């Protein structure tokens, strides 16, 4: 995964959350949907941490990363 992939993923999650906010869903469906978005956000946060760690290691080794 690259930073651009991660940004696309977060933008999609934001769009889903926006749709859920205005959708007339029953409370149980809304809760499950928001939990799914929250889980996907946690996965995106993990991906971001891994990207930062990889870039930090690359920088320490003198490797340039543009992705």
N, C-alpha and C. Protein backbone atom coordinates (compact mmCIF):
# COMPACT_ATOMS: atom_id res chain seq x y z
N UNK A 1 0.85 -1.17 0.00
CA UNK A 1 0.00 0.00 0.00
C UNK A 1 0.89 1.24 0.00
N UNK A 2 0.48 2.24 -0.77
CA UNK A 2 1.19 3.50 -0.82
C UNK A 2 0.37 4.57 -0.11
N UNK A 3 0.97 5.76 0.05
CA UNK A 3 0.23 6.85 0.68
C UNK A 3 -0.99 7.24 -0.16
N UNK A 4 -0.85 7.20 -1.49
CA UNK A 4 -1.99 7.52 -2.35
C UNK A 4 -3.12 6.51 -2.18
N UNK A 5 -2.76 5.22 -2.07
CA UNK A 5 -3.77 4.19 -1.81
C UNK A 5 -4.49 4.48 -0.49
N UNK A 6 -3.71 4.83 0.50
CA UNK A 6 -4.28 5.10 1.83
C UNK A 6 -5.21 6.32 1.79
N UNK A 7 -4.80 7.36 1.09
CA UNK A 7 -5.64 8.55 0.98
C UNK A 7 -6.95 8.22 0.25
N UNK A 8 -6.88 7.41 -0.80
CA UNK A 8 -8.09 6.99 -1.51
C UNK A 8 -9.01 6.20 -0.58
N UNK A 9 -8.41 5.31 0.19
CA UNK A 9 -9.19 4.49 1.12
C UNK A 9 -9.89 5.35 2.16
N UNK A 10 -9.17 6.32 2.71
CA UNK A 10 -9.77 7.20 3.71
C UNK A 10 -10.87 8.08 3.10
N UNK A 11 -10.66 8.53 1.87
CA UNK A 11 -11.69 9.33 1.20
C UNK A 11 -12.95 8.50 0.99
N UNK A 12 -12.78 7.25 0.61
CA UNK A 12 -13.93 6.37 0.43
C UNK A 12 -14.66 6.13 1.75
N UNK A 13 -13.90 5.94 2.82
CA UNK A 13 -14.51 5.74 4.13
C UNK A 13 -15.28 6.98 4.57
N UNK A 14 -14.72 8.15 4.29
CA UNK A 14 -15.41 9.39 4.61
C UNK A 14 -16.70 9.52 3.84
N UNK A 15 -16.68 9.11 2.57
CA UNK A 15 -17.89 9.14 1.75
C UNK A 15 -18.95 8.20 2.28
N UNK A 16 -18.53 7.02 2.70
CA UNK A 16 -19.48 6.05 3.26
C UNK A 16 -20.09 6.60 4.55
N UNK A 17 -19.26 7.19 5.39
CA UNK A 17 -19.77 7.76 6.65
C UNK A 17 -20.76 8.89 6.37
N UNK A 18 -20.48 9.70 5.34
CA UNK A 18 -21.41 10.78 4.98
C UNK A 18 -22.76 10.23 4.54
N UNK A 19 -22.73 9.17 3.74
CA UNK A 19 -23.98 8.54 3.28
C UNK A 19 -24.74 7.97 4.47
N UNK A 20 -24.04 7.32 5.38
CA UNK A 20 -24.70 6.75 6.55
C UNK A 20 -25.34 7.83 7.42
N UNK A 21 -24.71 8.99 7.45
CA UNK A 21 -25.22 10.07 8.30
C UNK A 21 -26.58 10.57 7.82
N UNK A 22 -26.83 10.51 6.52
CA UNK A 22 -28.10 11.03 6.00
C UNK A 22 -29.08 9.93 5.61
N UNK A 23 -28.65 8.69 5.67
CA UNK A 23 -29.53 7.57 5.31
C UNK A 23 -30.52 7.28 6.44
N UNK A 24 -31.69 6.90 6.03
CA UNK A 24 -32.70 6.52 7.03
C UNK A 24 -32.61 5.01 7.25
N UNK A 25 -31.72 4.64 8.13
CA UNK A 25 -31.50 3.24 8.46
C UNK A 25 -32.05 2.98 9.86
N UNK A 26 -32.44 1.74 10.08
CA UNK A 26 -32.85 1.41 11.44
C UNK A 26 -31.60 1.45 12.32
N UNK A 27 -31.77 1.68 13.62
CA UNK A 27 -30.62 1.86 14.52
C UNK A 27 -29.62 0.70 14.49
N UNK A 28 -30.10 -0.53 14.39
CA UNK A 28 -29.19 -1.68 14.39
C UNK A 28 -28.33 -1.69 13.13
N UNK A 29 -28.93 -1.42 11.99
CA UNK A 29 -28.17 -1.39 10.74
C UNK A 29 -27.18 -0.24 10.74
N UNK A 30 -27.59 0.92 11.23
CA UNK A 30 -26.69 2.08 11.32
C UNK A 30 -25.50 1.75 12.21
N UNK A 31 -25.75 1.12 13.36
CA UNK A 31 -24.67 0.75 14.28
C UNK A 31 -23.69 -0.20 13.62
N UNK A 32 -24.21 -1.23 12.97
CA UNK A 32 -23.33 -2.21 12.30
C UNK A 32 -22.52 -1.55 11.19
N UNK A 33 -23.16 -0.67 10.44
CA UNK A 33 -22.46 0.02 9.36
C UNK A 33 -21.37 0.92 9.90
N UNK A 34 -21.66 1.66 10.95
CA UNK A 34 -20.65 2.54 11.54
C UNK A 34 -19.52 1.74 12.18
N UNK A 35 -19.84 0.59 12.75
CA UNK A 35 -18.79 -0.27 13.29
C UNK A 35 -17.86 -0.75 12.19
N UNK A 36 -18.44 -1.05 11.03
CA UNK A 36 -17.62 -1.48 9.88
C UNK A 36 -16.70 -0.35 9.43
N UNK A 37 -17.23 0.87 9.36
CA UNK A 37 -16.41 2.01 8.99
C UNK A 37 -15.30 2.21 10.02
N UNK A 38 -15.63 2.10 11.29
CA UNK A 38 -14.64 2.26 12.36
C UNK A 38 -13.54 1.20 12.24
N UNK A 39 -13.92 -0.04 11.96
CA UNK A 39 -12.93 -1.11 11.79
C UNK A 39 -12.02 -0.81 10.60
N UNK A 40 -12.61 -0.35 9.50
CA UNK A 40 -11.81 -0.02 8.32
C UNK A 40 -10.88 1.15 8.61
N UNK A 41 -11.31 2.10 9.43
CA UNK A 41 -10.45 3.22 9.83
C UNK A 41 -9.27 2.72 10.66
N UNK A 42 -9.54 1.78 11.55
CA UNK A 42 -8.45 1.20 12.35
C UNK A 42 -7.45 0.49 11.45
N UNK A 43 -7.94 -0.22 10.44
CA UNK A 43 -7.04 -0.90 9.50
C UNK A 43 -6.22 0.12 8.71
N UNK A 44 -6.85 1.23 8.34
CA UNK A 44 -6.13 2.29 7.63
C UNK A 44 -5.07 2.92 8.52
N UNK A 45 -5.38 3.09 9.79
CA UNK A 45 -4.40 3.64 10.74
C UNK A 45 -3.21 2.70 10.88
N UNK A 46 -3.48 1.41 10.92
CA UNK A 46 -2.39 0.43 10.99
C UNK A 46 -1.53 0.51 9.73
N UNK A 47 -2.18 0.63 8.58
CA UNK A 47 -1.44 0.75 7.32
C UNK A 47 -0.58 2.01 7.32
N UNK A 48 -1.10 3.10 7.86
CA UNK A 48 -0.33 4.35 7.94
C UNK A 48 0.90 4.18 8.83
N UNK A 49 0.70 3.52 9.97
CA UNK A 49 1.84 3.28 10.87
C UNK A 49 2.90 2.44 10.18
N UNK A 50 2.48 1.42 9.44
CA UNK A 50 3.44 0.57 8.73
C UNK A 50 4.19 1.35 7.65
N UNK A 51 3.47 2.24 6.95
CA UNK A 51 4.14 3.08 5.95
C UNK A 51 5.18 3.99 6.59
N UNK A 52 4.82 4.59 7.72
CA UNK A 52 5.77 5.46 8.42
C UNK A 52 6.98 4.67 8.88
N UNK A 53 6.75 3.49 9.44
CA UNK A 53 7.87 2.65 9.89
C UNK A 53 8.77 2.28 8.73
N UNK A 54 8.17 1.90 7.60
CA UNK A 54 8.97 1.52 6.43
C UNK A 54 9.78 2.71 5.92
N UNK A 55 9.15 3.89 5.87
CA UNK A 55 9.87 5.08 5.42
C UNK A 55 11.00 5.44 6.39
N UNK A 56 10.74 5.29 7.68
CA UNK A 56 11.77 5.58 8.68
C UNK A 56 12.96 4.64 8.51
N UNK A 57 12.67 3.36 8.30
CA UNK A 57 13.74 2.40 8.09
C UNK A 57 14.50 2.70 6.80
N UNK A 58 13.75 3.04 5.73
CA UNK A 58 14.40 3.38 4.46
C UNK A 58 15.30 4.61 4.60
N UNK A 59 14.81 5.61 5.33
CA UNK A 59 15.59 6.82 5.55
C UNK A 59 16.86 6.50 6.33
N UNK A 60 16.73 5.65 7.33
CA UNK A 60 17.90 5.27 8.13
C UNK A 60 18.94 4.53 7.28
N UNK A 61 18.44 3.82 6.27
CA UNK A 61 19.35 3.06 5.39
C UNK A 61 19.76 3.89 4.18
N UNK A 62 19.26 5.11 4.06
CA UNK A 62 19.62 5.96 2.95
C UNK A 62 18.86 5.70 1.67
N UNK A 63 17.69 5.05 1.78
CA UNK A 63 16.86 4.75 0.61
C UNK A 63 15.75 5.78 0.53
N UNK A 64 15.53 6.33 -0.66
CA UNK A 64 14.47 7.33 -0.83
C UNK A 64 13.18 6.65 -1.23
N UNK A 65 12.08 7.05 -0.59
CA UNK A 65 10.75 6.49 -0.89
C UNK A 65 9.82 7.63 -1.30
N UNK A 66 9.29 7.57 -2.52
CA UNK A 66 8.36 8.59 -2.99
C UNK A 66 6.93 8.11 -3.00
N UNK A 67 6.69 6.85 -2.67
CA UNK A 67 5.35 6.32 -2.80
C UNK A 67 4.60 6.30 -1.56
